[in-house]
All heavy atoms as atom14 arrays in JSON, in Angstrom:
{
  "sequence": "DKLYNWIKEMIRAKKFPSFDGWNFAADHITINTGRAQDKGLLYKKVEV",
  "atom14_mask": [
    [1, 1, 1, 1, 1, 1, 1, 1, 0, 0, 0, 0, 0, 0],
    [1, 1, 1, 1, 1, 1, 1, 1, 1, 0, 0, 0, 0, 0],
    [1, 1, 1, 1, 1, 1, 1, 1, 0, 0, 0, 0, 0, 0],
    [1, 1, 1, 1, 1, 1, 1, 1, 1, 1, 1, 1, 0, 0],
    [1, 1, 1, 1, 1, 1, 1, 1, 0, 0, 0, 0, 0, 0],
    [1, 1, 1, 1, 1, 1, 1, 1, 1, 1, 1, 1, 1, 1],
    [1, 1, 1, 1, 1, 1, 1, 1, 0, 0, 0, 0, 0, 0],
    [1, 1, 1, 1, 1, 1, 1, 1, 1, 0, 0, 0, 0, 0],
    [1, 1, 1, 1, 1, 1, 1, 1, 1, 0, 0, 0, 0, 0],
    [1, 1, 1, 1, 1, 1, 1, 1, 0, 0, 0, 0, 0, 0],
    [1, 1, 1, 1, 1, 1, 1, 1, 0, 0, 0, 0, 0, 0],
    [1, 1, 1, 1, 1, 1, 1, 1, 1, 1, 1, 0, 0, 0],
    [1, 1, 1, 1, 1, 0, 0, 0, 0, 0, 0, 0, 0, 0],
    [1, 1, 1, 1, 1, 1, 1, 1, 1, 0, 0, 0, 0, 0],
    [1, 1, 1, 1, 1, 1, 1, 1, 1, 0, 0, 0, 0, 0],
    [1, 1, 1, 1, 1, 1, 1, 1, 1, 1, 1, 0, 0, 0],
    [1, 1, 1, 1, 1, 1, 1, 0, 0, 0, 0, 0, 0, 0],
    [1, 1, 1, 1, 1, 1, 0, 0, 0, 0, 0, 0, 0, 0],
    [1, 1, 1, 1, 1, 1, 1, 1, 1, 1, 1, 0, 0, 0],
    [1, 1, 1, 1, 1, 1, 1, 1, 0, 0, 0, 0, 0, 0],
    [1, 1, 1, 1, 0, 0, 0, 0, 0, 0, 0, 0, 0, 0],
    [1, 1, 1, 1, 1, 1, 1, 1, 1, 1, 1, 1, 1, 1],
    [1, 1, 1, 1, 1, 1, 1, 1, 0, 0, 0, 0, 0, 0],
    [1, 1, 1, 1, 1, 1, 1, 1, 1, 1, 1, 0, 0, 0],
    [1, 1, 1, 1, 1, 0, 0, 0, 0, 0, 0, 0, 0, 0],
    [1, 1, 1, 1, 1, 0, 0, 0, 0, 0, 0, 0, 0, 0],
    [1, 1, 1, 1, 1, 1, 1, 1, 0, 0, 0, 0, 0, 0],
    [1, 1, 1, 1, 1, 1, 1, 1, 1, 1, 0, 0, 0, 0],
    [1, 1, 1, 1, 1, 1, 1, 1, 0, 0, 0, 0, 0, 0],
    [1, 1, 1, 1, 1, 1, 1, 0, 0, 0, 0, 0, 0, 0],
    [1, 1, 1, 1, 1, 1, 1, 1, 0, 0, 0, 0, 0, 0],
    [1, 1, 1, 1, 1, 1, 1, 1, 0, 0, 0, 0, 0, 0],
    [1, 1, 1, 1, 1, 1, 1, 0, 0, 0, 0, 0, 0, 0],
    [1, 1, 1, 1, 0, 0, 0, 0, 0, 0, 0, 0, 0, 0],
    [1, 1, 1, 1, 1, 1, 1, 1, 1, 1, 1, 0, 0, 0],
    [1, 1, 1, 1, 1, 0, 0, 0, 0, 0, 0, 0, 0, 0],
    [1, 1, 1, 1, 1, 1, 1, 1, 1, 0, 0, 0, 0, 0],
    [1, 1, 1, 1, 1, 1, 1, 1, 0, 0, 0, 0, 0, 0],
    [1, 1, 1, 1, 1, 1, 1, 1, 1, 0, 0, 0, 0, 0],
    [1, 1, 1, 1, 0, 0, 0, 0, 0, 0, 0, 0, 0, 0],
    [1, 1, 1, 1, 1, 1, 1, 1, 0, 0, 0, 0, 0, 0],
    [1, 1, 1, 1, 1, 1, 1, 1, 0, 0, 0, 0, 0, 0],
    [1, 1, 1, 1, 1, 1, 1, 1, 1, 1, 1, 1, 0, 0],
    [1, 1, 1, 1, 1, 1, 1, 1, 1, 0, 0, 0, 0, 0],
    [1, 1, 1, 1, 1, 1, 1, 1, 1, 0, 0, 0, 0, 0],
    [1, 1, 1, 1, 1, 1, 1, 0, 0, 0, 0, 0, 0, 0],
    [1, 1, 1, 1, 1, 1, 1, 1, 1, 0, 0, 0, 0, 0],
    [1, 1, 1, 1, 1, 1, 1, 0, 0, 0, 0, 0, 0, 0]
  ],
  "atom14_positions": [
    [[0.84, -1.2, -0.02], [0.02, -0.02, 0.02], [0.84, 1.25, -0.03], [0.62, 2.2, -0.76], [-0.93, 0.03, 1.24], [-2.03, -1.02, 1.15], [-2.29, -1.59, 0.04], [-2.7, -1.28, 2.13], [0.0, 0.0, 0.0], [0.0, 0.0, 0.0], [0.0, 0.0, 0.0], [0.0, 0.0, 0.0], [0.0, 0.0, 0.0], [0.0, 0.0, 0.0]],
    [[1.88, 1.27, 0.84], [2.81, 2.38, 0.91], [3.45, 2.63, -0.42], [3.52, 3.76, -0.9], [3.9, 2.1, 1.97], [4.82, 3.22, 2.3], [5.98, 2.84, 3.13], [5.87, 3.12, 4.59], [7.15, 2.89, 5.29], [0.0, 0.0, 0.0], [0.0, 0.0, 0.0], [0.0, 0.0, 0.0], [0.0, 0.0, 0.0], [0.0, 0.0, 0.0]],
    [[3.87, 1.57, -1.08], [4.5, 1.61, -2.4], [3.57, 2.22, -3.46], [3.94, 3.06, -4.25], [5.08, 0.27, -2.79], [6.08, 0.21, -3.91], [7.19, 1.28, -3.75], [6.65, -1.14, -3.98], [0.0, 0.0, 0.0], [0.0, 0.0, 0.0], [0.0, 0.0, 0.0], [0.0, 0.0, 0.0], [0.0, 0.0, 0.0], [0.0, 0.0, 0.0]],
    [[2.32, 1.69, -3.51], [1.37, 2.17, -4.48], [1.11, 3.68, -4.22], [0.96, 4.46, -5.21], [0.07, 1.36, -4.44], [0.18, 0.08, -5.15], [-0.04, -1.12, -4.45], [0.45, -0.02, -6.49], [0.08, -2.42, -5.11], [0.61, -1.24, -7.12], [0.42, -2.39, -6.47], [0.52, -3.62, -7.1], [0.0, 0.0, 0.0], [0.0, 0.0, 0.0]],
    [[0.97, 4.05, -2.95], [0.69, 5.46, -2.69], [1.93, 6.34, -3.14], [1.73, 7.43, -3.71], [0.44, 5.69, -1.23], [-0.96, 5.19, -0.86], [-1.87, 5.13, -1.7], [-1.1, 4.7, 0.34], [0.0, 0.0, 0.0], [0.0, 0.0, 0.0], [0.0, 0.0, 0.0], [0.0, 0.0, 0.0], [0.0, 0.0, 0.0], [0.0, 0.0, 0.0]],
    [[3.12, 5.87, -2.96], [4.32, 6.57, -3.41], [4.36, 6.66, -4.93], [4.67, 7.71, -5.5], [5.55, 5.82, -2.87], [6.83, 6.41, -3.31], [7.41, 7.54, -2.77], [7.68, 6.05, -4.38], [8.57, 7.89, -3.43], [8.76, 6.96, -4.45], [7.57, 5.1, -5.36], [9.81, 6.88, -5.35], [8.62, 5.01, -6.24], [9.69, 5.88, -6.28]],
    [[4.0, 5.61, -5.59], [3.92, 5.59, -7.09], [2.93, 6.69, -7.54], [3.27, 7.55, -8.42], [3.52, 4.26, -7.66], [4.67, 3.22, -7.44], [3.27, 4.35, -9.16], [4.23, 1.79, -7.68], [0.0, 0.0, 0.0], [0.0, 0.0, 0.0], [0.0, 0.0, 0.0], [0.0, 0.0, 0.0], [0.0, 0.0, 0.0], [0.0, 0.0, 0.0]],
    [[1.75, 6.76, -6.9], [0.78, 7.81, -7.26], [1.3, 9.22, -7.05], [1.07, 10.05, -7.86], [-0.48, 7.6, -6.42], [-1.35, 6.43, -6.88], [-2.66, 6.41, -6.05], [-3.03, 4.96, -5.78], [-3.94, 4.83, -4.61], [0.0, 0.0, 0.0], [0.0, 0.0, 0.0], [0.0, 0.0, 0.0], [0.0, 0.0, 0.0], [0.0, 0.0, 0.0]],
    [[1.98, 9.4, -5.9], [2.69, 10.7, -5.61], [3.66, 11.06, -6.73], [3.71, 12.16, -7.19], [3.42, 10.64, -4.29], [2.56, 10.84, -3.07], [1.92, 12.18, -3.07], [2.57, 13.25, -3.25], [0.66, 12.23, -2.9], [0.0, 0.0, 0.0], [0.0, 0.0, 0.0], [0.0, 0.0, 0.0], [0.0, 0.0, 0.0], [0.0, 0.0, 0.0]],
    [[4.46, 10.11, -7.13], [5.52, 10.29, -8.14], [4.84, 10.65, -9.51], [5.36, 11.45, -10.25], [6.42, 9.08, -8.3], [7.3, 8.86, -7.08], [8.64, 10.02, -6.92], [9.81, 9.42, -8.19], [0.0, 0.0, 0.0], [0.0, 0.0, 0.0], [0.0, 0.0, 0.0], [0.0, 0.0, 0.0], [0.0, 0.0, 0.0], [0.0, 0.0, 0.0]],
    [[3.73, 10.0, -9.8], [2.98, 10.38, -11.1], [2.44, 11.77, -10.93], [2.59, 12.54, -11.87], [1.88, 9.29, -11.3], [2.48, 7.95, -11.7], [1.0, 9.74, -12.47], [1.49, 6.8, -11.7], [0.0, 0.0, 0.0], [0.0, 0.0, 0.0], [0.0, 0.0, 0.0], [0.0, 0.0, 0.0], [0.0, 0.0, 0.0], [0.0, 0.0, 0.0]],
    [[1.88, 12.09, -9.81], [1.31, 13.48, -9.61], [2.44, 14.46, -9.73], [2.18, 15.57, -10.27], [0.62, 13.59, -8.22], [-0.87, 13.35, -8.3], [-1.55, 13.94, -7.06], [-1.15, 13.3, -5.79], [-1.63, 12.18, -5.37], [-2.55, 11.45, -6.04], [-1.25, 11.69, -4.2], [0.0, 0.0, 0.0], [0.0, 0.0, 0.0], [0.0, 0.0, 0.0]],
    [[3.59, 14.18, -9.22], [4.77, 15.13, -9.26], [5.42, 15.13, -10.65], [6.46, 15.76, -10.82], [5.71, 14.77, -8.14], [0.0, 0.0, 0.0], [0.0, 0.0, 0.0], [0.0, 0.0, 0.0], [0.0, 0.0, 0.0], [0.0, 0.0, 0.0], [0.0, 0.0, 0.0], [0.0, 0.0, 0.0], [0.0, 0.0, 0.0], [0.0, 0.0, 0.0]],
    [[4.91, 14.3, -11.53], [5.43, 14.19, -12.91], [6.89, 13.6, -12.9], [7.69, 13.96, -13.85], [5.47, 15.55, -13.61], [4.12, 16.27, -13.6], [3.44, 16.13, -15.02], [2.15, 16.96, -15.14], [1.0, 16.32, -14.62], [0.0, 0.0, 0.0], [0.0, 0.0, 0.0], [0.0, 0.0, 0.0], [0.0, 0.0, 0.0], [0.0, 0.0, 0.0]],
    [[7.24, 12.84, -11.92], [8.51, 12.18, -11.91], [8.35, 10.78, -12.51], [9.38, 10.07, -12.81], [9.03, 12.03, -10.45], [9.38, 13.39, -9.9], [10.09, 13.28, -8.53], [10.32, 14.61, -7.9], [11.26, 15.44, -8.56], [0.0, 0.0, 0.0], [0.0, 0.0, 0.0], [0.0, 0.0, 0.0], [0.0, 0.0, 0.0], [0.0, 0.0, 0.0]],
    [[7.16, 10.3, -12.69], [6.92, 8.98, -13.39], [5.86, 9.27, -14.44], [4.97, 10.21, -14.26], [6.21, 7.99, -12.38], [7.18, 7.14, -11.64], [6.84, 6.66, -10.38], [8.39, 6.65, -12.2], [7.69, 5.82, -9.72], [9.26, 5.84, -11.53], [8.92, 5.39, -10.27], [0.0, 0.0, 0.0], [0.0, 0.0, 0.0], [0.0, 0.0, 0.0]],
    [[5.8, 8.54, -15.53], [4.75, 8.61, -16.46], [3.45, 8.0, -15.88], [3.54, 7.51, -14.75], [5.25, 7.72, -17.64], [6.2, 6.79, -17.05], [6.8, 7.48, -15.88], [0.0, 0.0, 0.0], [0.0, 0.0, 0.0], [0.0, 0.0, 0.0], [0.0, 0.0, 0.0], [0.0, 0.0, 0.0], [0.0, 0.0, 0.0], [0.0, 0.0, 0.0]],
    [[2.38, 8.06, -16.55], [1.09, 7.62, -15.9], [0.94, 6.08, -15.79], [0.21, 5.62, -15.0], [-0.11, 8.15, -16.75], [-0.11, 7.45, -17.99], [0.0, 0.0, 0.0], [0.0, 0.0, 0.0], [0.0, 0.0, 0.0], [0.0, 0.0, 0.0], [0.0, 0.0, 0.0], [0.0, 0.0, 0.0], [0.0, 0.0, 0.0], [0.0, 0.0, 0.0]],
    [[1.75, 5.35, -16.56], [1.69, 3.91, -16.51], [0.31, 3.33, -16.99], [-0.07, 2.22, -16.64], [2.03, 3.27, -15.14], [3.34, 3.63, -14.62], [3.51, 4.06, -13.37], [4.47, 3.57, -15.44], [4.81, 4.27, -12.82], [5.76, 3.79, -14.95], [5.93, 4.21, -13.67], [0.0, 0.0, 0.0], [0.0, 0.0, 0.0], [0.0, 0.0, 0.0]],
    [[-0.46, 4.16, -17.7], [-1.77, 3.65, -18.21], [-1.58, 2.45, -19.06], [-0.76, 2.35, -19.95], [-2.43, 4.78, -19.13], [-2.98, 5.9, -18.28], [-3.18, 5.71, -17.07], [-3.2, 7.02, -18.86], [0.0, 0.0, 0.0], [0.0, 0.0, 0.0], [0.0, 0.0, 0.0], [0.0, 0.0, 0.0], [0.0, 0.0, 0.0], [0.0, 0.0, 0.0]],
    [[-2.4, 1.37, -18.7], [-2.3, 0.15, -19.43], [-1.17, -0.74, -19.09], [-1.04, -1.85, -19.65], [0.0, 0.0, 0.0], [0.0, 0.0, 0.0], [0.0, 0.0, 0.0], [0.0, 0.0, 0.0], [0.0, 0.0, 0.0], [0.0, 0.0, 0.0], [0.0, 0.0, 0.0], [0.0, 0.0, 0.0], [0.0, 0.0, 0.0], [0.0, 0.0, 0.0]],
    [[-0.32, -0.34, -18.16], [0.8, -1.19, -17.75], [0.34, -2.2, -16.71], [-0.63, -2.04, -16.0], [1.86, -0.34, -17.12], [2.64, 0.52, -18.09], [2.18, 1.06, -19.24], [4.02, 0.9, -18.0], [3.2, 1.77, -19.87], [4.36, 1.7, -19.13], [5.04, 0.67, -17.04], [5.61, 2.28, -19.36], [6.26, 1.26, -17.26], [6.57, 2.03, -18.4]],
    [[1.12, -3.29, -16.57], [0.89, -4.3, -15.55], [1.68, -3.87, -14.33], [2.83, -3.5, -14.45], [1.43, -5.67, -15.96], [0.72, -6.23, -17.21], [0.47, -5.55, -18.09], [0.4, -7.5, -17.14], [0.0, 0.0, 0.0], [0.0, 0.0, 0.0], [0.0, 0.0, 0.0], [0.0, 0.0, 0.0], [0.0, 0.0, 0.0], [0.0, 0.0, 0.0]],
    [[1.03, -3.88, -13.18], [1.77, -3.63, -11.91], [2.28, -4.84, -11.27], [1.69, -5.9, -11.32], [0.9, -2.87, -10.87], [0.87, -1.4, -11.2], [-0.06, -0.88, -12.16], [1.74, -0.54, -10.61], [-0.05, 0.44, -12.45], [1.76, 0.81, -10.87], [0.85, 1.29, -11.85], [0.0, 0.0, 0.0], [0.0, 0.0, 0.0], [0.0, 0.0, 0.0]],
    [[3.58, -4.81, -10.8], [4.19, -5.93, -10.08], [4.31, -5.47, -8.68], [3.41, -5.77, -7.82], [5.53, -6.21, -10.75], [0.0, 0.0, 0.0], [0.0, 0.0, 0.0], [0.0, 0.0, 0.0], [0.0, 0.0, 0.0], [0.0, 0.0, 0.0], [0.0, 0.0, 0.0], [0.0, 0.0, 0.0], [0.0, 0.0, 0.0], [0.0, 0.0, 0.0]],
    [[5.33, -4.79, -8.33], [5.53, -4.09, -7.05], [5.23, -4.95, -5.8], [4.55, -4.42, -4.89], [4.73, -2.8, -7.03], [0.0, 0.0, 0.0], [0.0, 0.0, 0.0], [0.0, 0.0, 0.0], [0.0, 0.0, 0.0], [0.0, 0.0, 0.0], [0.0, 0.0, 0.0], [0.0, 0.0, 0.0], [0.0, 0.0, 0.0], [0.0, 0.0, 0.0]],
    [[5.71, -6.19, -5.79], [5.39, -6.98, -4.62], [6.6, -7.81, -4.05], [6.44, -8.36, -3.0], [4.27, -7.97, -4.93], [4.65, -8.97, -6.05], [5.77, -8.89, -6.6], [3.82, -9.8, -6.37], [0.0, 0.0, 0.0], [0.0, 0.0, 0.0], [0.0, 0.0, 0.0], [0.0, 0.0, 0.0], [0.0, 0.0, 0.0], [0.0, 0.0, 0.0]],
    [[7.78, -7.76, -4.73], [8.89, -8.55, -4.12], [10.24, -8.03, -4.67], [10.29, -7.31, -5.68], [8.71, -10.04, -4.43], [9.03, -10.34, -5.87], [8.21, -10.18, -6.94], [10.24, -10.78, -6.45], [8.73, -10.55, -8.05], [9.98, -10.9, -7.79], [0.0, 0.0, 0.0], [0.0, 0.0, 0.0], [0.0, 0.0, 0.0], [0.0, 0.0, 0.0]],
    [[11.29, -8.47, -3.94], [12.7, -8.31, -4.44], [13.22, -9.69, -4.53], [13.28, -10.43, -3.6], [13.55, -7.52, -3.36], [12.9, -6.14, -3.09], [14.99, -7.33, -3.88], [12.47, -6.0, -1.67], [0.0, 0.0, 0.0], [0.0, 0.0, 0.0], [0.0, 0.0, 0.0], [0.0, 0.0, 0.0], [0.0, 0.0, 0.0], [0.0, 0.0, 0.0]],
    [[13.71, -10.0, -5.73], [14.28, -11.34, -6.0], [15.69, -11.36, -5.32], [16.47, -10.48, -5.56], [14.4, -11.6, -7.48], [13.08, -11.54, -8.08], [15.02, -13.03, -7.71], [0.0, 0.0, 0.0], [0.0, 0.0, 0.0], [0.0, 0.0, 0.0], [0.0, 0.0, 0.0], [0.0, 0.0, 0.0], [0.0, 0.0, 0.0], [0.0, 0.0, 0.0]],
    [[15.96, -12.43, -4.52], [17.26, -12.59, -4.02], [18.01, -13.53, -4.94], [19.12, -13.23, -5.38], [17.19, -13.28, -2.57], [16.52, -12.3, -1.62], [18.63, -13.65, -2.07], [16.21, -12.85, -0.24], [0.0, 0.0, 0.0], [0.0, 0.0, 0.0], [0.0, 0.0, 0.0], [0.0, 0.0, 0.0], [0.0, 0.0, 0.0], [0.0, 0.0, 0.0]],
    [[17.45, -14.6, -5.36], [18.0, -15.54, -6.33], [16.87, -16.35, -7.02], [15.82, -16.49, -6.43], [19.05, -16.42, -5.76], [18.51, -17.38, -4.6], [18.57, -17.0, -3.48], [17.95, -18.48, -4.99], [0.0, 0.0, 0.0], [0.0, 0.0, 0.0], [0.0, 0.0, 0.0], [0.0, 0.0, 0.0], [0.0, 0.0, 0.0], [0.0, 0.0, 0.0]],
    [[17.21, -16.82, -8.19], [16.16, -17.71, -8.8], [16.28, -19.12, -8.15], [17.29, -19.52, -7.59], [16.45, -17.92, -10.33], [17.8, -18.32, -10.55], [16.21, -16.59, -11.07], [0.0, 0.0, 0.0], [0.0, 0.0, 0.0], [0.0, 0.0, 0.0], [0.0, 0.0, 0.0], [0.0, 0.0, 0.0], [0.0, 0.0, 0.0], [0.0, 0.0, 0.0]],
    [[15.15, -19.84, -8.14], [15.12, -21.15, -7.55], [15.01, -21.07, -6.0], [14.62, -20.09, -5.42], [0.0, 0.0, 0.0], [0.0, 0.0, 0.0], [0.0, 0.0, 0.0], [0.0, 0.0, 0.0], [0.0, 0.0, 0.0], [0.0, 0.0, 0.0], [0.0, 0.0, 0.0], [0.0, 0.0, 0.0], [0.0, 0.0, 0.0], [0.0, 0.0, 0.0]],
    [[15.35, -22.27, -5.43], [15.34, -22.39, -3.97], [16.29, -21.49, -3.27], [17.26, -21.08, -3.79], [15.57, -23.89, -3.54], [14.48, -24.8, -4.03], [14.52, -26.05, -3.24], [13.31, -26.82, -3.45], [12.17, -26.68, -2.78], [12.06, -25.74, -1.88], [11.12, -27.37, -3.08], [0.0, 0.0, 0.0], [0.0, 0.0, 0.0], [0.0, 0.0, 0.0]],
    [[16.03, -21.24, -1.98], [16.91, -20.39, -1.12], [18.28, -21.01, -1.07], [18.47, -22.21, -0.82], [16.34, -20.28, 0.23], [0.0, 0.0, 0.0], [0.0, 0.0, 0.0], [0.0, 0.0, 0.0], [0.0, 0.0, 0.0], [0.0, 0.0, 0.0], [0.0, 0.0, 0.0], [0.0, 0.0, 0.0], [0.0, 0.0, 0.0], [0.0, 0.0, 0.0]],
    [[19.34, -20.14, -1.32], [20.69, -20.61, -1.23], [21.07, -20.73, 0.17], [21.97, -21.48, 0.64], [21.63, -19.75, -2.06], [21.37, -19.9, -3.57], [21.98, -18.87, -4.44], [22.6, -17.9, -3.94], [21.94, -19.06, -5.7], [0.0, 0.0, 0.0], [0.0, 0.0, 0.0], [0.0, 0.0, 0.0], [0.0, 0.0, 0.0], [0.0, 0.0, 0.0]],
    [[20.5, -19.86, 1.03], [20.74, -19.84, 2.47], [19.4, -20.12, 3.21], [18.58, -19.19, 3.4], [21.29, -18.53, 2.87], [21.61, -18.43, 4.38], [21.21, -19.35, 5.14], [22.28, -17.44, 4.79], [0.0, 0.0, 0.0], [0.0, 0.0, 0.0], [0.0, 0.0, 0.0], [0.0, 0.0, 0.0], [0.0, 0.0, 0.0], [0.0, 0.0, 0.0]],
    [[19.15, -21.36, 3.55], [17.84, -21.74, 4.16], [17.65, -21.03, 5.48], [16.52, -20.83, 5.94], [17.82, -23.26, 4.45], [17.85, -24.08, 3.14], [16.52, -24.17, 2.56], [16.44, -25.17, 1.4], [15.59, -24.7, 0.3], [0.0, 0.0, 0.0], [0.0, 0.0, 0.0], [0.0, 0.0, 0.0], [0.0, 0.0, 0.0], [0.0, 0.0, 0.0]],
    [[18.7, -20.57, 6.16], [18.64, -19.87, 7.44], [17.92, -18.48, 7.27], [17.44, -17.97, 8.26], [0.0, 0.0, 0.0], [0.0, 0.0, 0.0], [0.0, 0.0, 0.0], [0.0, 0.0, 0.0], [0.0, 0.0, 0.0], [0.0, 0.0, 0.0], [0.0, 0.0, 0.0], [0.0, 0.0, 0.0], [0.0, 0.0, 0.0], [0.0, 0.0, 0.0]],
    [[17.82, -17.98, 6.06], [17.16, -16.69, 5.84], [15.66, -16.81, 5.73], [14.97, -15.87, 5.91], [17.73, -16.05, 4.57], [19.14, -15.51, 4.62], [19.53, -14.96, 3.25], [19.28, -14.46, 5.68], [0.0, 0.0, 0.0], [0.0, 0.0, 0.0], [0.0, 0.0, 0.0], [0.0, 0.0, 0.0], [0.0, 0.0, 0.0], [0.0, 0.0, 0.0]],
    [[15.19, -17.99, 5.42], [13.75, -18.17, 5.11], [12.92, -17.76, 6.3], [13.24, -18.02, 7.5], [13.45, -19.64, 4.81], [13.87, -20.06, 3.38], [13.59, -21.54, 3.12], [13.07, -19.28, 2.31], [0.0, 0.0, 0.0], [0.0, 0.0, 0.0], [0.0, 0.0, 0.0], [0.0, 0.0, 0.0], [0.0, 0.0, 0.0], [0.0, 0.0, 0.0]],
    [[11.86, -17.02, 6.0], [10.82, -16.5, 6.94], [11.35, -15.39, 7.87], [10.7, -14.98, 8.78], [10.2, -17.67, 7.73], [9.73, -18.76, 6.82], [10.33, -19.95, 6.76], [8.77, -18.48, 5.85], [9.96, -20.95, 5.83], [8.3, -19.42, 4.95], [8.95, -20.69, 4.94], [8.59, -21.59, 4.0], [0.0, 0.0, 0.0], [0.0, 0.0, 0.0]],
    [[12.56, -14.9, 7.58], [13.09, -13.73, 8.37], [12.37, -12.51, 7.86], [12.11, -12.34, 6.67], [14.53, -13.53, 8.14], [15.41, -14.54, 8.92], [16.75, -13.93, 9.31], [17.69, -14.88, 9.99], [17.25, -15.59, 11.1], [0.0, 0.0, 0.0], [0.0, 0.0, 0.0], [0.0, 0.0, 0.0], [0.0, 0.0, 0.0], [0.0, 0.0, 0.0]],
    [[11.97, -11.64, 8.79], [11.42, -10.33, 8.43], [12.57, -9.4, 8.09], [13.57, -9.39, 8.84], [10.65, -9.77, 9.65], [9.54, -10.7, 10.14], [8.27, -10.51, 9.36], [7.14, -11.29, 9.94], [6.24, -11.93, 9.05], [0.0, 0.0, 0.0], [0.0, 0.0, 0.0], [0.0, 0.0, 0.0], [0.0, 0.0, 0.0], [0.0, 0.0, 0.0]],
    [[12.38, -8.64, 7.04], [13.39, -7.78, 6.56], [12.94, -6.36, 6.23], [11.75, -6.26, 5.77], [14.11, -8.37, 5.33], [15.25, -7.49, 4.86], [14.56, -9.81, 5.54], [0.0, 0.0, 0.0], [0.0, 0.0, 0.0], [0.0, 0.0, 0.0], [0.0, 0.0, 0.0], [0.0, 0.0, 0.0], [0.0, 0.0, 0.0], [0.0, 0.0, 0.0]],
    [[13.66, -5.35, 6.52], [13.37, -4.01, 6.13], [14.26, -3.67, 4.95], [15.44, -4.06, 4.95], [13.61, -3.03, 7.25], [12.66, -3.16, 8.38], [12.91, -2.08, 9.44], [14.05, -1.52, 9.46], [12.05, -1.81, 10.23], [0.0, 0.0, 0.0], [0.0, 0.0, 0.0], [0.0, 0.0, 0.0], [0.0, 0.0, 0.0], [0.0, 0.0, 0.0]],
    [[13.73, -2.98, 3.97], [14.57, -2.48, 2.88], [14.32, -0.99, 2.71], [13.22, -0.51, 2.93], [14.3, -3.21, 1.54], [14.63, -4.67, 1.66], [12.88, -3.09, 1.11], [0.0, 0.0, 0.0], [0.0, 0.0, 0.0], [0.0, 0.0, 0.0], [0.0, 0.0, 0.0], [0.0, 0.0, 0.0], [0.0, 0.0, 0.0], [0.0, 0.0, 0.0]]
  ]
}
């Protein structure tokens, strides 16, 4: 929600195009493809 609101702000401020007709992703950061390389990290809460 915070990210979507920020995107709307950036569009309003003309720092982003309108993205009309685009697909929204905005839900994750890929660490690596496939299974976790470090199983100890799984389910850890992280701030970015």
